[in-house]
Amino acid sequence: MGFSTSGAAAILFVGVLVAVGIAYPVIQTAHEDRRAAIDDRDDRSLDLRNTDIELEATTYNDSSDNLTVNATNVGSTTLAVADTDLLVDGAYEPNDEWLEVRVNGTTGRELWQPGETLSIVVSTADRPDRVKLVTEHGVAATETGV
């Protein structure tokens, strides 16, 4: 075996080391990102299992054309009021158009703790047939025949 064969083997060996040195950090980062994504998915799944709401009362005031929706957080997950959606007869009612929002009778609250009641007042032209409240985790409660 001459010098040219040994030199070529050394160059190939160095090339393999450089390639592994470049590939390892990329593979390690991809694995860490995958692990973080799996942990996030598991956290969302746990929050979903621990979330539950009940519509306590949905009333419509004919004189003021206002609909009041009262729901209680009966799960063990704290919910964000801003991430709660309301649909009236299938039409989305944007949060910034709600006339009044109260959590346990207090305005200005951003979190809806377990056991607390959320009260939303919206203006509607007609008496609705169906009201649906959806939480940030996709858990919904529906009432028909308001």
Foldseek 3Di string as FASTA:
>chain_A
DDPVVVVVVVVVVVVVVVVCVVVVVVVVVVVVVVVVVVVVVVVLVVLLVQWDKEWDDWDADPVQQKIKTKMATQGQDKFFPQQKWKAFLNHTDHPVQWPFWDKQNHGPDGIRGHGIMIMTMHHDPDDTQKMKMATNSGHIDMDGDD
